[in-house]
Amino acid sequence: MKYVLLIYLKEDALSETEREQCYIESAQLAQQLNSNGQYLATAPLHSVATATSIRVRDGKPLITDGPFAETREQLGGFFLIDARDLDEAIAIASQIPGARVGTVEIRPVIEVAGLPQS
């Protein structure tokens, strides 16, 4: 089953040095998951200051700068994995460096017929 592991943390939770180390550790985890056949994708995200949100109401797009939600922790990145079950997804999520300073939300992915295959 596919799971997305959404990494939330305060934008100032890590210094630049700590952030770079987090990227290194995340890449190492991605390599490990890849060798186990569990890796599908991962990426850190730019600051919420670069975010744009869009809502379509009455057929018209409403575009605003920034994230839609005002929260302390922001979406900082994700892993997309293939895991046997939720327990295995939890074990993988607990290895994500961002879990040490933020929160990792684990969500099963719905498989929709007709989507392009990677």
PDB file of N, CA and C in Angstrom:
ATOM      1  N   MET A   1       0.845  -1.174   0.000  1.00  0.00           N
ATOM      2  CA  MET A   1       0.000   0.000   0.000  1.00  0.00           C
ATOM      3  C   MET A   1       0.891   1.238   0.000  1.00  0.00           C
ATOM      4  N   LYS A   2       0.452   2.257  -0.711  1.00  0.00           N
ATOM      5  CA  LYS A   2       1.200   3.506  -0.752  1.00  0.00           C
ATOM      6  C   LYS A   2       0.756   4.404   0.398  1.00  0.00           C
ATOM      7  N   TYR A   3       1.746   5.078   0.988  1.00  0.00           N
ATOM      8  CA  TYR A   3       1.496   6.055   2.046  1.00  0.00           C
ATOM      9  C   TYR A   3       2.269   7.318   1.725  1.00  0.00           C
ATOM     10  N   VAL A   4       1.667   8.473   2.035  1.00  0.00           N
ATOM     11  CA  VAL A   4       2.404   9.726   1.978  1.00  0.00           C
ATOM     12  C   VAL A   4       2.696  10.112   3.423  1.00  0.00           C
ATOM     13  N   LEU A   5       3.938  10.473   3.662  1.00  0.00           N
ATOM     14  CA  LEU A   5       4.389  10.887   4.981  1.00  0.00           C
ATOM     15  C   LEU A   5       4.641  12.389   4.902  1.00  0.00           C
ATOM     16  N   LEU A   6       3.736  13.167   5.471  1.00  0.00           N
ATOM     17  CA  LEU A   6       3.790  14.626   5.384  1.00  0.00           C
ATOM     18  C   LEU A   6       4.537  15.179   6.592  1.00  0.00           C
ATOM     19  N   ILE A   7       5.567  15.947   6.337  1.00  0.00           N
ATOM     20  CA  ILE A   7       6.452  16.431   7.390  1.00  0.00           C
ATOM     21  C   ILE A   7       6.095  17.882   7.715  1.00  0.00           C
ATOM     22  N   TYR A   8       5.642  18.106   8.950  1.00  0.00           N
ATOM     23  CA  TYR A   8       5.275  19.440   9.415  1.00  0.00           C
ATOM     24  C   TYR A   8       6.252  19.891  10.491  1.00  0.00           C
ATOM     25  N   LEU A   9       6.713  21.133  10.395  1.00  0.00           N
ATOM     26  CA  LEU A   9       7.563  21.694  11.423  1.00  0.00           C
ATOM     27  C   LEU A   9       7.523  23.201  11.345  1.00  0.00           C
ATOM     28  N   LYS A  10       7.927  23.833  12.433  1.00  0.00           N
ATOM     29  CA  LYS A  10       8.045  25.289  12.419  1.00  0.00           C
ATOM     30  C   LYS A  10       9.168  25.648  11.462  1.00  0.00           C
ATOM     31  N   GLU A  11       8.962  26.693  10.695  1.00  0.00           N
ATOM     32  CA  GLU A  11       9.979  27.051   9.699  1.00  0.00           C
ATOM     33  C   GLU A  11      11.309  27.427  10.323  1.00  0.00           C
ATOM     34  N   ASP A  12      11.284  27.918  11.548  1.00  0.00           N
ATOM     35  CA  ASP A  12      12.535  28.294  12.203  1.00  0.00           C
ATOM     36  C   ASP A  12      13.030  27.211  13.171  1.00  0.00           C
ATOM     37  N   ALA A  13      12.505  25.995  13.049  1.00  0.00           N
ATOM     38  CA  ALA A  13      12.876  24.907  13.959  1.00  0.00           C
ATOM     39  C   ALA A  13      14.316  24.446  13.763  1.00  0.00           C
ATOM     40  N   LEU A  14      14.862  24.665  12.575  1.00  0.00           N
ATOM     41  CA  LEU A  14      16.215  24.207  12.264  1.00  0.00           C
ATOM     42  C   LEU A  14      17.076  25.368  11.789  1.00  0.00           C
ATOM     43  N   SER A  15      18.328  25.376  12.230  1.00  0.00           N
ATOM     44  CA  SER A  15      19.292  26.337  11.684  1.00  0.00           C
ATOM     45  C   SER A  15      19.646  25.878  10.274  1.00  0.00           C
ATOM     46  N   GLU A  16      20.339  26.698   9.511  1.00  0.00           N
ATOM     47  CA  GLU A  16      20.745  26.299   8.156  1.00  0.00           C
ATOM     48  C   GLU A  16      21.615  25.047   8.201  1.00  0.00           C
ATOM     49  N   THR A  17      22.510  24.969   9.159  1.00  0.00           N
ATOM     50  CA  THR A  17      23.376  23.799   9.302  1.00  0.00           C
ATOM     51  C   THR A  17      22.543  22.559   9.620  1.00  0.00           C
ATOM     52  N   GLU A  18      21.595  22.703  10.544  1.00  0.00           N
ATOM     53  CA  GLU A  18      20.722  21.578  10.904  1.00  0.00           C
ATOM     54  C   GLU A  18      19.854  21.166   9.712  1.00  0.00           C
ATOM     55  N   ARG A  19      19.385  22.148   8.944  1.00  0.00           N
ATOM     56  CA  ARG A  19      18.551  21.853   7.767  1.00  0.00           C
ATOM     57  C   ARG A  19      19.359  21.058   6.734  1.00  0.00           C
ATOM     58  N   GLU A  20      20.600  21.476   6.485  1.00  0.00           N
ATOM     59  CA  GLU A  20      21.457  20.754   5.542  1.00  0.00           C
ATOM     60  C   GLU A  20      21.695  19.322   6.020  1.00  0.00           C
ATOM     61  N   GLN A  21      21.911  19.146   7.321  1.00  0.00           N
ATOM     62  CA  GLN A  21      22.098  17.805   7.878  1.00  0.00           C
ATOM     63  C   GLN A  21      20.821  16.984   7.720  1.00  0.00           C
ATOM     64  N   CYS A  22      19.686  17.611   7.891  1.00  0.00           N
ATOM     65  CA  CYS A  22      18.395  16.942   7.706  1.00  0.00           C
ATOM     66  C   CYS A  22      18.261  16.443   6.265  1.00  0.00           C
ATOM     67  N   TYR A  23      18.674  17.260   5.298  1.00  0.00           N
ATOM     68  CA  TYR A  23      18.620  16.856   3.891  1.00  0.00           C
ATOM     69  C   TYR A  23      19.531  15.646   3.642  1.00  0.00           C
ATOM     70  N   ILE A  24      20.708  15.666   4.233  1.00  0.00           N
ATOM     71  CA  ILE A  24      21.646  14.552   4.067  1.00  0.00           C
ATOM     72  C   ILE A  24      21.045  13.271   4.646  1.00  0.00           C
ATOM     73  N   GLU A  25      20.512  13.355   5.869  1.00  0.00           N
ATOM     74  CA  GLU A  25      19.909  12.186   6.505  1.00  0.00           C
ATOM     75  C   GLU A  25      18.681  11.700   5.734  1.00  0.00           C
ATOM     76  N   SER A  26      17.898  12.626   5.218  1.00  0.00           N
ATOM     77  CA  SER A  26      16.709  12.255   4.438  1.00  0.00           C
ATOM     78  C   SER A  26      17.106  11.540   3.149  1.00  0.00           C
ATOM     79  N   ALA A  27      18.173  12.015   2.500  1.00  0.00           N
ATOM     80  CA  ALA A  27      18.665  11.351   1.289  1.00  0.00           C
ATOM     81  C   ALA A  27      19.158   9.941   1.616  1.00  0.00           C
ATOM     82  N   GLN A  28      19.817   9.786   2.753  1.00  0.00           N
ATOM     83  CA  GLN A  28      20.276   8.453   3.170  1.00  0.00           C
ATOM     84  C   GLN A  28      19.096   7.528   3.420  1.00  0.00           C
ATOM     85  N   LEU A  29      18.044   8.048   4.069  1.00  0.00           N
ATOM     86  CA  LEU A  29      16.838   7.250   4.292  1.00  0.00           C
ATOM     87  C   LEU A  29      16.196   6.876   2.957  1.00  0.00           C
ATOM     88  N   ALA A  30      16.142   7.824   2.027  1.00  0.00           N
ATOM     89  CA  ALA A  30      15.573   7.541   0.705  1.00  0.00           C
ATOM     90  C   ALA A  30      16.355   6.439   0.004  1.00  0.00           C
ATOM     91  N   GLN A  31      17.686   6.468   0.109  1.00  0.00           N
ATOM     92  CA  GLN A  31      18.517   5.413  -0.491  1.00  0.00           C
ATOM     93  C   GLN A  31      18.214   4.056   0.139  1.00  0.00           C
ATOM     94  N   GLN A  32      18.079   4.040   1.459  1.00  0.00           N
ATOM     95  CA  GLN A  32      17.754   2.794   2.167  1.00  0.00           C
ATOM     96  C   GLN A  32      16.393   2.261   1.733  1.00  0.00           C
ATOM     97  N   LEU A  33      15.396   3.145   1.669  1.00  0.00           N
ATOM     98  CA  LEU A  33      14.060   2.736   1.237  1.00  0.00           C
ATOM     99  C   LEU A  33      14.084   2.244  -0.206  1.00  0.00           C
ATOM    100  N   ASN A  34      14.876   2.902  -1.047  1.00  0.00           N
ATOM    101  CA  ASN A  34      14.989   2.492  -2.442  1.00  0.00           C
ATOM    102  C   ASN A  34      15.572   1.090  -2.556  1.00  0.00           C
ATOM    103  N   SER A  35      16.582   0.804  -1.755  1.00  0.00           N
ATOM    104  CA  SER A  35      17.190  -0.530  -1.809  1.00  0.00           C
ATOM    105  C   SER A  35      16.233  -1.603  -1.302  1.00  0.00           C
ATOM    106  N   ASN A  36      15.249  -1.200  -0.477  1.00  0.00           N
ATOM    107  CA  ASN A  36      14.226  -2.137   0.016  1.00  0.00           C
ATOM    108  C   ASN A  36      13.005  -2.198  -0.896  1.00  0.00           C
ATOM    109  N   GLY A  37      12.999  -1.407  -1.976  1.00  0.00           N
ATOM    110  CA  GLY A  37      11.854  -1.382  -2.881  1.00  0.00           C
ATOM    111  C   GLY A  37      10.666  -0.609  -2.338  1.00  0.00           C
ATOM    112  N   GLN A  38      10.895   0.269  -1.345  1.00  0.00           N
ATOM    113  CA  GLN A  38       9.798   1.011  -0.715  1.00  0.00           C
ATOM    114  C   GLN A  38       9.751   2.480  -1.116  1.00  0.00           C
ATOM    115  N   TYR A  39      10.783   2.978  -1.765  1.00  0.00           N
ATOM    116  CA  TYR A  39      10.870   4.391  -2.110  1.00  0.00           C
ATOM    117  C   TYR A  39      10.073   4.692  -3.364  1.00  0.00           C
ATOM    118  N   LEU A  40       9.242   5.732  -3.305  1.00  0.00           N
ATOM    119  CA  LEU A  40       8.533   6.207  -4.489  1.00  0.00           C
ATOM    120  C   LEU A  40       8.912   7.645  -4.817  1.00  0.00           C
ATOM    121  N   ALA A  41       9.004   8.522  -3.803  1.00  0.00           N
ATOM    122  CA  ALA A  41       9.391   9.920  -4.031  1.00  0.00           C
ATOM    123  C   ALA A  41       9.617  10.603  -2.688  1.00  0.00           C
ATOM    124  N   THR A  42      10.373  11.690  -2.715  1.00  0.00           N
ATOM    125  CA  THR A  42      10.524  12.557  -1.548  1.00  0.00           C
ATOM    126  C   THR A  42      10.983  13.925  -2.025  1.00  0.00           C
ATOM    127  N   ALA A  43      10.666  14.956  -1.254  1.00  0.00           N
ATOM    128  CA  ALA A  43      11.152  16.301  -1.574  1.00  0.00           C
ATOM    129  C   ALA A  43      10.890  17.238  -0.410  1.00  0.00           C
ATOM    130  N   PRO A  44      11.874  18.082  -0.104  1.00  0.00           N
ATOM    131  CA  PRO A  44      11.603  19.182   0.817  1.00  0.00           C
ATOM    132  C   PRO A  44      10.898  20.281   0.032  1.00  0.00           C
ATOM    133  N   LEU A  45      10.211  21.146   0.750  1.00  0.00           N
ATOM    134  CA  LEU A  45       9.499  22.246   0.109  1.00  0.00           C
ATOM    135  C   LEU A  45      10.143  23.577   0.482  1.00  0.00           C
ATOM    136  N   HIS A  46      10.043  24.539  -0.418  1.00  0.00           N
ATOM    137  CA  HIS A  46      10.509  25.894  -0.120  1.00  0.00           C
ATOM    138  C   HIS A  46       9.631  26.485   0.985  1.00  0.00           C
ATOM    139  N   SER A  47      10.059  27.593   1.529  1.00  0.00           N
ATOM    140  CA  SER A  47       9.358  28.300   2.603  1.00  0.00           C
ATOM    141  C   SER A  47       7.913  28.609   2.221  1.00  0.00           C
ATOM    142  N   VAL A  48       7.057  28.704   3.243  1.00  0.00           N
ATOM    143  CA  VAL A  48       5.665  29.077   2.974  1.00  0.00           C
ATOM    144  C   VAL A  48       5.556  30.467   2.384  1.00  0.00           C
ATOM    145  N   ALA A  49       6.601  31.277   2.525  1.00  0.00           N
ATOM    146  CA  ALA A  49       6.597  32.611   1.913  1.00  0.00           C
ATOM    147  C   ALA A  49       6.519  32.515   0.391  1.00  0.00           C
ATOM    148  N   THR A  50       6.891  31.376  -0.180  1.00  0.00           N
ATOM    149  CA  THR A  50       6.838  31.189  -1.625  1.00  0.00           C
ATOM    150  C   THR A  50       5.534  30.522  -2.078  1.00  0.00           C
ATOM    151  N   ALA A  51       4.669  30.171  -1.124  1.00  0.00           N
ATOM    152  CA  ALA A  51       3.440  29.430  -1.445  1.00  0.00           C
ATOM    153  C   ALA A  51       2.381  30.332  -2.073  1.00  0.00           C
ATOM    154  N   THR A  52       1.589  29.730  -2.919  1.00  0.00           N
ATOM    155  CA  THR A  52       0.412  30.364  -3.500  1.00  0.00           C
ATOM    156  C   THR A  52      -0.740  29.384  -3.338  1.00  0.00           C
ATOM    157  N   SER A  53      -1.878  29.875  -2.901  1.00  0.00           N
ATOM    158  CA  SER A  53      -3.052  29.024  -2.736  1.00  0.00           C
ATOM    159  C   SER A  53      -4.115  29.451  -3.733  1.00  0.00           C
ATOM    160  N   ILE A  54      -4.837  28.466  -4.248  1.00  0.00           N
ATOM    161  CA  ILE A  54      -5.914  28.757  -5.199  1.00  0.00           C
ATOM    162  C   ILE A  54      -7.177  28.026  -4.768  1.00  0.00           C
ATOM    163  N   ARG A  55      -8.268  28.729  -4.857  1.00  0.00           N
ATOM    164  CA  ARG A  55      -9.594  28.164  -4.642  1.00  0.00           C
ATOM    165  C   ARG A  55     -10.440  28.584  -5.835  1.00  0.00           C
ATOM    166  N   VAL A  56     -11.269  27.700  -6.305  1.00  0.00           N
ATOM    167  CA  VAL A  56     -12.167  28.045  -7.405  1.00  0.00           C
ATOM    168  C   VAL A  56     -13.580  28.113  -6.837  1.00  0.00           C
ATOM    169  N   ARG A  57     -14.189  29.283  -6.964  1.00  0.00           N
ATOM    170  CA  ARG A  57     -15.549  29.508  -6.478  1.00  0.00           C
ATOM    171  C   ARG A  57     -16.365  30.090  -7.625  1.00  0.00           C
ATOM    172  N   ASP A  58     -17.500  29.485  -7.865  1.00  0.00           N
ATOM    173  CA  ASP A  58     -18.371  29.915  -8.964  1.00  0.00           C
ATOM    174  C   ASP A  58     -17.606  29.982 -10.274  1.00  0.00           C
ATOM    175  N   GLY A  59     -16.695  29.036 -10.490  1.00  0.00           N
ATOM    176  CA  GLY A  59     -15.934  28.943 -11.726  1.00  0.00           C
ATOM    177  C   GLY A  59     -14.793  29.933 -11.854  1.00  0.00           C
ATOM    178  N   LYS A  60     -14.549  30.743 -10.815  1.00  0.00           N
ATOM    179  CA  LYS A  60     -13.497  31.753 -10.875  1.00  0.00           C
ATOM    180  C   LYS A  60     -12.390  31.416  -9.885  1.00  0.00           C
ATOM    181  N   PRO A  61     -11.128  31.469 -10.342  1.00  0.00           N
ATOM    182  CA  PRO A  61     -10.019  31.198  -9.426  1.00  0.00           C
ATOM    183  C   PRO A  61      -9.778  32.381  -8.481  1.00  0.00           C
ATOM    184  N   LEU A  62      -9.619  32.058  -7.195  1.00  0.00           N
ATOM    185  CA  LEU A  62      -9.248  33.047  -6.193  1.00  0.00           C
ATOM    186  C   LEU A  62      -7.843  32.684  -5.732  1.00  0.00           C
ATOM    187  N   ILE A  63      -6.893  33.556  -5.996  1.00  0.00           N
ATOM    188  CA  ILE A  63      -5.491  33.257  -5.731  1.00  0.00           C
ATOM    189  C   ILE A  63      -5.002  34.147  -4.597  1.00  0.00           C
ATOM    190  N   THR A  64      -4.358  33.517  -3.607  1.00  0.00           N
ATOM    191  CA  THR A  64      -3.781  34.267  -2.489  1.00  0.00           C
ATOM    192  C   THR A  64      -2.345  33.821  -2.281  1.00  0.00           C
ATOM    193  N   ASP A  65      -1.538  34.735  -1.783  1.00  0.00           N
ATOM    194  CA  ASP A  65      -0.161  34.404  -1.432  1.00  0.00           C
ATOM    195  C   ASP A  65      -0.157  33.651  -0.113  1.00  0.00           C
ATOM    196  N   GLY A  66       0.769  32.722  -0.003  1.00  0.00           N
ATOM    197  CA  GLY A  66       0.951  32.002   1.251  1.00  0.00           C
ATOM    198  C   GLY A  66       0.104  30.753   1.331  1.00  0.00           C
ATOM    199  N   PRO A  67       0.283  30.030   2.447  1.00  0.00           N
ATOM    200  CA  PRO A  67      -0.473  28.792   2.646  1.00  0.00           C
ATOM    201  C   PRO A  67      -1.917  29.109   2.997  1.00  0.00           C
ATOM    202  N   PHE A  68      -2.785  28.146   2.804  1.00  0.00           N
ATOM    203  CA  PHE A  68      -4.197  28.329   3.115  1.00  0.00           C
ATOM    204  C   PHE A  68      -4.416  28.400   4.618  1.00  0.00           C
ATOM    205  N   ALA A  69      -3.746  27.526   5.380  1.00  0.00           N
ATOM    206  CA  ALA A  69      -3.962  27.439   6.821  1.00  0.00           C
ATOM    207  C   ALA A  69      -2.946  28.279   7.589  1.00  0.00           C
ATOM    208  N   GLU A  70      -3.395  28.900   8.633  1.00  0.00           N
ATOM    209  CA  GLU A  70      -2.508  29.622   9.558  1.00  0.00           C
ATOM    210  C   GLU A  70      -2.234  28.685  10.721  1.00  0.00           C
ATOM    211  N   THR A  71      -1.068  28.083  10.745  1.00  0.00           N
ATOM    212  CA  THR A  71      -0.715  27.150  11.810  1.00  0.00           C
ATOM    213  C   THR A  71       0.719  27.405  12.242  1.00  0.00           C
ATOM    214  N   ARG A  72       1.090  26.869  13.397  1.00  0.00           N
ATOM    215  CA  ARG A  72       2.465  27.011  13.880  1.00  0.00           C
ATOM    216  C   ARG A  72       3.420  26.175  13.045  1.00  0.00           C
ATOM    217  N   GLU A  73       3.010  24.952  12.754  1.00  0.00           N
ATOM    218  CA  GLU A  73       3.848  24.074  11.940  1.00  0.00           C
ATOM    219  C   GLU A  73       3.362  24.125  10.499  1.00  0.00           C
ATOM    220  N   GLN A  74       4.305  24.169   9.572  1.00  0.00           N
ATOM    221  CA  GLN A  74       3.994  24.233   8.148  1.00  0.00           C
ATOM    222  C   GLN A  74       4.441  22.953   7.472  1.00  0.00           C
ATOM    223  N   LEU A  75       3.818  22.630   6.357  1.00  0.00           N
ATOM    224  CA  LEU A  75       4.238  21.480   5.565  1.00  0.00           C
ATOM    225  C   LEU A  75       5.624  21.767   5.015  1.00  0.00           C
ATOM    226  N   GLY A  76       6.599  20.943   5.388  1.00  0.00           N
ATOM    227  CA  GLY A  76       7.974  21.183   4.987  1.00  0.00           C
ATOM    228  C   GLY A  76       8.489  20.228   3.932  1.00  0.00           C
ATOM    229  N   GLY A  77       7.792  19.105   3.735  1.00  0.00           N
ATOM    230  CA  GLY A  77       8.230  18.132   2.751  1.00  0.00           C
ATOM    231  C   GLY A  77       7.421  16.862   2.884  1.00  0.00           C
ATOM    232  N   PHE A  78       7.810  15.862   2.092  1.00  0.00           N
ATOM    233  CA  PHE A  78       7.059  14.611   2.107  1.00  0.00           C
ATOM    234  C   PHE A  78       7.935  13.457   1.665  1.00  0.00           C
ATOM    235  N   PHE A  79       7.513  12.275   2.028  1.00  0.00           N
ATOM    236  CA  PHE A  79       8.002  11.022   1.466  1.00  0.00           C
ATOM    237  C   PHE A  79       6.779  10.306   0.927  1.00  0.00           C
ATOM    238  N   LEU A  80       6.896   9.677  -0.225  1.00  0.00           N
ATOM    239  CA  LEU A  80       5.872   8.785  -0.751  1.00  0.00           C
ATOM    240  C   LEU A  80       6.498   7.409  -0.751  1.00  0.00           C
ATOM    241  N   ILE A  81       5.883   6.485  -0.018  1.00  0.00           N
ATOM    242  CA  ILE A  81       6.481   5.165   0.180  1.00  0.00           C
ATOM    243  C   ILE A  81       5.501   4.055  -0.161  1.00  0.00           C
ATOM    244  N   ASP A  82       6.037   2.863  -0.285  1.00  0.00           N
ATOM    245  CA  ASP A  82       5.234   1.657  -0.421  1.00  0.00           C
ATOM    246  C   ASP A  82       5.527   0.819   0.816  1.00  0.00           C
ATOM    247  N   ALA A  83       4.520   0.571   1.623  1.00  0.00           N
ATOM    248  CA  ALA A  83       4.701  -0.179   2.871  1.00  0.00           C
ATOM    249  C   ALA A  83       3.652  -1.285   2.953  1.00  0.00           C
ATOM    250  N   ARG A  84       4.010  -2.338   3.651  1.00  0.00           N
ATOM    251  CA  ARG A  84       3.099  -3.475   3.837  1.00  0.00           C
ATOM    252  C   ARG A  84       1.802  -3.053   4.499  1.00  0.00           C
ATOM    253  N   ASP A  85       1.935  -2.227   5.553  1.00  0.00           N
ATOM    254  CA  ASP A  85       0.780  -1.834   6.349  1.00  0.00           C
ATOM    255  C   ASP A  85       1.128  -0.578   7.142  1.00  0.00           C
ATOM    256  N   LEU A  86       0.181  -0.129   7.954  1.00  0.00           N
ATOM    257  CA  LEU A  86       0.390   1.084   8.735  1.00  0.00           C
ATOM    258  C   LEU A  86       1.562   0.938   9.697  1.00  0.00           C
ATOM    259  N   ASP A  87       1.726  -0.222  10.295  1.00  0.00           N
ATOM    260  CA  ASP A  87       2.836  -0.416  11.227  1.00  0.00           C
ATOM    261  C   ASP A  87       4.183  -0.193  10.547  1.00  0.00           C
ATOM    262  N   GLU A  88       4.327  -0.706   9.334  1.00  0.00           N
ATOM    263  CA  GLU A  88       5.578  -0.506   8.606  1.00  0.00           C
ATOM    264  C   GLU A  88       5.740   0.968   8.223  1.00  0.00           C
ATOM    265  N   ALA A  89       4.648   1.632   7.847  1.00  0.00           N
ATOM    266  CA  ALA A  89       4.701   3.064   7.519  1.00  0.00           C
ATOM    267  C   ALA A  89       5.113   3.878   8.746  1.00  0.00           C
ATOM    268  N   ILE A  90       4.615   3.506   9.916  1.00  0.00           N
ATOM    269  CA  ILE A  90       4.988   4.183  11.155  1.00  0.00           C
ATOM    270  C   ILE A  90       6.475   3.996  11.432  1.00  0.00           C
ATOM    271  N   ALA A  91       6.965   2.788  11.233  1.00  0.00           N
ATOM    272  CA  ALA A  91       8.391   2.515  11.459  1.00  0.00           C
ATOM    273  C   ALA A  91       9.261   3.370  10.541  1.00  0.00           C
ATOM    274  N   ILE A  92       8.844   3.527   9.295  1.00  0.00           N
ATOM    275  CA  ILE A  92       9.593   4.354   8.342  1.00  0.00           C
ATOM    276  C   ILE A  92       9.489   5.827   8.738  1.00  0.00           C
ATOM    277  N   ALA A  93       8.283   6.279   9.059  1.00  0.00           N
ATOM    278  CA  ALA A  93       8.077   7.684   9.426  1.00  0.00           C
ATOM    279  C   ALA A  93       8.907   8.068  10.645  1.00  0.00           C
ATOM    280  N   SER A  94       9.098   7.144  11.557  1.00  0.00           N
ATOM    281  CA  SER A  94       9.873   7.450  12.762  1.00  0.00           C
ATOM    282  C   SER A  94      11.349   7.676  12.459  1.00  0.00           C
ATOM    283  N   GLN A  95      11.800   7.297  11.264  1.00  0.00           N
ATOM    284  CA  GLN A  95      13.190   7.491  10.858  1.00  0.00           C
ATOM    285  C   GLN A  95      13.417   8.828  10.155  1.00  0.00           C
ATOM    286  N   ILE A  96      12.358   9.532   9.814  1.00  0.00           N
ATOM    287  CA  ILE A  96      12.480  10.805   9.107  1.00  0.00           C
ATOM    288  C   ILE A  96      13.045  11.848  10.071  1.00  0.00           C
ATOM    289  N   PRO A  97      14.138  12.515   9.696  1.00  0.00           N
ATOM    290  CA  PRO A  97      14.763  13.486  10.597  1.00  0.00           C
ATOM    291  C   PRO A  97      13.801  14.562  11.101  1.00  0.00           C
ATOM    292  N   GLY A  98      12.872  15.001  10.267  1.00  0.00           N
ATOM    293  CA  GLY A  98      11.921  16.040  10.672  1.00  0.00           C
ATOM    294  C   GLY A  98      11.029  15.624  11.819  1.00  0.00           C
ATOM    295  N   ALA A  99      10.873  14.328  12.051  1.00  0.00           N
ATOM    296  CA  ALA A  99      10.039  13.855  13.159  1.00  0.00           C
ATOM    297  C   ALA A  99      10.645  14.226  14.504  1.00  0.00           C
ATOM    298  N   ARG A 100      11.955  14.499  14.526  1.00  0.00           N
ATOM    299  CA  ARG A 100      12.618  14.853  15.784  1.00  0.00           C
ATOM    300  C   ARG A 100      12.311  16.280  16.226  1.00  0.00           C
ATOM    301  N   VAL A 101      11.891  17.145  15.297  1.00  0.00           N
ATOM    302  CA  VAL A 101      11.597  18.536  15.644  1.00  0.00           C
ATOM    303  C   VAL A 101      10.182  18.956  15.262  1.00  0.00           C
ATOM    304  N   GLY A 102       9.467  18.085  14.577  1.00  0.00           N
ATOM    305  CA  GLY A 102       8.118  18.416  14.128  1.00  0.00           C
ATOM    306  C   GLY A 102       7.224  17.196  14.210  1.00  0.00           C
ATOM    307  N   THR A 103       6.323  17.099  13.259  1.00  0.00           N
ATOM    308  CA  THR A 103       5.326  16.030  13.211  1.00  0.00           C
ATOM    309  C   THR A 103       5.321  15.418  11.820  1.00  0.00           C
ATOM    310  N   VAL A 104       5.193  14.099  11.749  1.00  0.00           N
ATOM    311  CA  VAL A 104       5.012  13.428  10.463  1.00  0.00           C
ATOM    312  C   VAL A 104       3.615  12.824  10.447  1.00  0.00           C
ATOM    313  N   GLU A 105       2.806  13.284   9.522  1.00  0.00           N
ATOM    314  CA  GLU A 105       1.446  12.759   9.353  1.00  0.00           C
ATOM    315  C   GLU A 105       1.498  11.643   8.317  1.00  0.00           C
ATOM    316  N   ILE A 106       0.920  10.510   8.646  1.00  0.00           N
ATOM    317  CA  ILE A 106       0.924   9.340   7.762  1.00  0.00           C
ATOM    318  C   ILE A 106      -0.469   9.200   7.167  1.00  0.00           C
ATOM    319  N   ARG A 107      -0.542   9.217   5.834  1.00  0.00           N
ATOM    320  CA  ARG A 107      -1.838   9.105   5.166  1.00  0.00           C
ATOM    321  C   ARG A 107      -1.769   8.054   4.076  1.00  0.00           C
ATOM    322  N   PRO A 108      -2.691   7.076   4.092  1.00  0.00           N
ATOM    323  CA  PRO A 108      -2.751   6.123   2.986  1.00  0.00           C
ATOM    324  C   PRO A 108      -3.170   6.852   1.709  1.00  0.00           C
ATOM    325  N   VAL A 109      -2.626   6.394   0.598  1.00  0.00           N
ATOM    326  CA  VAL A 109      -2.919   6.995  -0.700  1.00  0.00           C
ATOM    327  C   VAL A 109      -4.014   6.168  -1.379  1.00  0.00           C
ATOM    328  N   ILE A 110      -5.002   6.836  -1.927  1.00  0.00           N
ATOM    329  CA  ILE A 110      -6.058   6.160  -2.667  1.00  0.00           C
ATOM    330  C   ILE A 110      -5.577   5.900  -4.077  1.00  0.00           C
ATOM    331  N   GLU A 111      -5.647   4.653  -4.497  1.00  0.00           N
ATOM    332  CA  GLU A 111      -5.265   4.292  -5.871  1.00  0.00           C
ATOM    333  C   GLU A 111      -6.456   4.568  -6.782  1.00  0.00           C
ATOM    334  N   VAL A 112      -6.288   5.454  -7.745  1.00  0.00           N
ATOM    335  CA  VAL A 112      -7.354   5.833  -8.665  1.00  0.00           C
ATOM    336  C   VAL A 112      -7.038   5.266 -10.048  1.00  0.00           C
ATOM    337  N   ALA A 113      -7.963   4.538 -10.602  1.00  0.00           N
ATOM    338  CA  ALA A 113      -7.773   3.957 -11.935  1.00  0.00           C
ATOM    339  C   ALA A 113      -7.683   5.066 -12.983  1.00  0.00           C
ATOM    340  N   GLY A 114      -6.875   4.855 -14.004  1.00  0.00           N
ATOM    341  CA  GLY A 114      -6.772   5.783 -15.113  1.00  0.00           C
ATOM    342  C   GLY A 114      -5.681   6.832 -14.983  1.00  0.00           C
ATOM    343  N   LEU A 115      -4.982   6.857 -13.831  1.00  0.00           N
ATOM    344  CA  LEU A 115      -3.887   7.821 -13.682  1.00  0.00           C
ATOM    345  C   LEU A 115      -2.645   7.301 -14.380  1.00  0.00           C
ATOM    346  N   PRO A 116      -1.765   8.200 -14.847  1.00  0.00           N
ATOM    347  CA  PRO A 116      -0.523   7.741 -15.463  1.00  0.00           C
ATOM    348  C   PRO A 116       0.310   6.935 -14.463  1.00  0.00           C
ATOM    349  N   GLN A 117       0.980   5.929 -14.939  1.00  0.00           N
ATOM    350  CA  GLN A 117       1.862   5.117 -14.107  1.00  0.00           C
ATOM    351  C   GLN A 117       3.269   5.676 -14.193  1.00  0.00           C
ATOM    352  N   SER A 118       3.978   5.689 -13.071  1.00  0.00           N
ATOM    353  CA  SER A 118       5.338   6.216 -13.093  1.00  0.00           C
ATOM    354  C   SER A 118       6.312   5.141 -13.508  1.00  0.00           C
TER     355      SER A 118
END
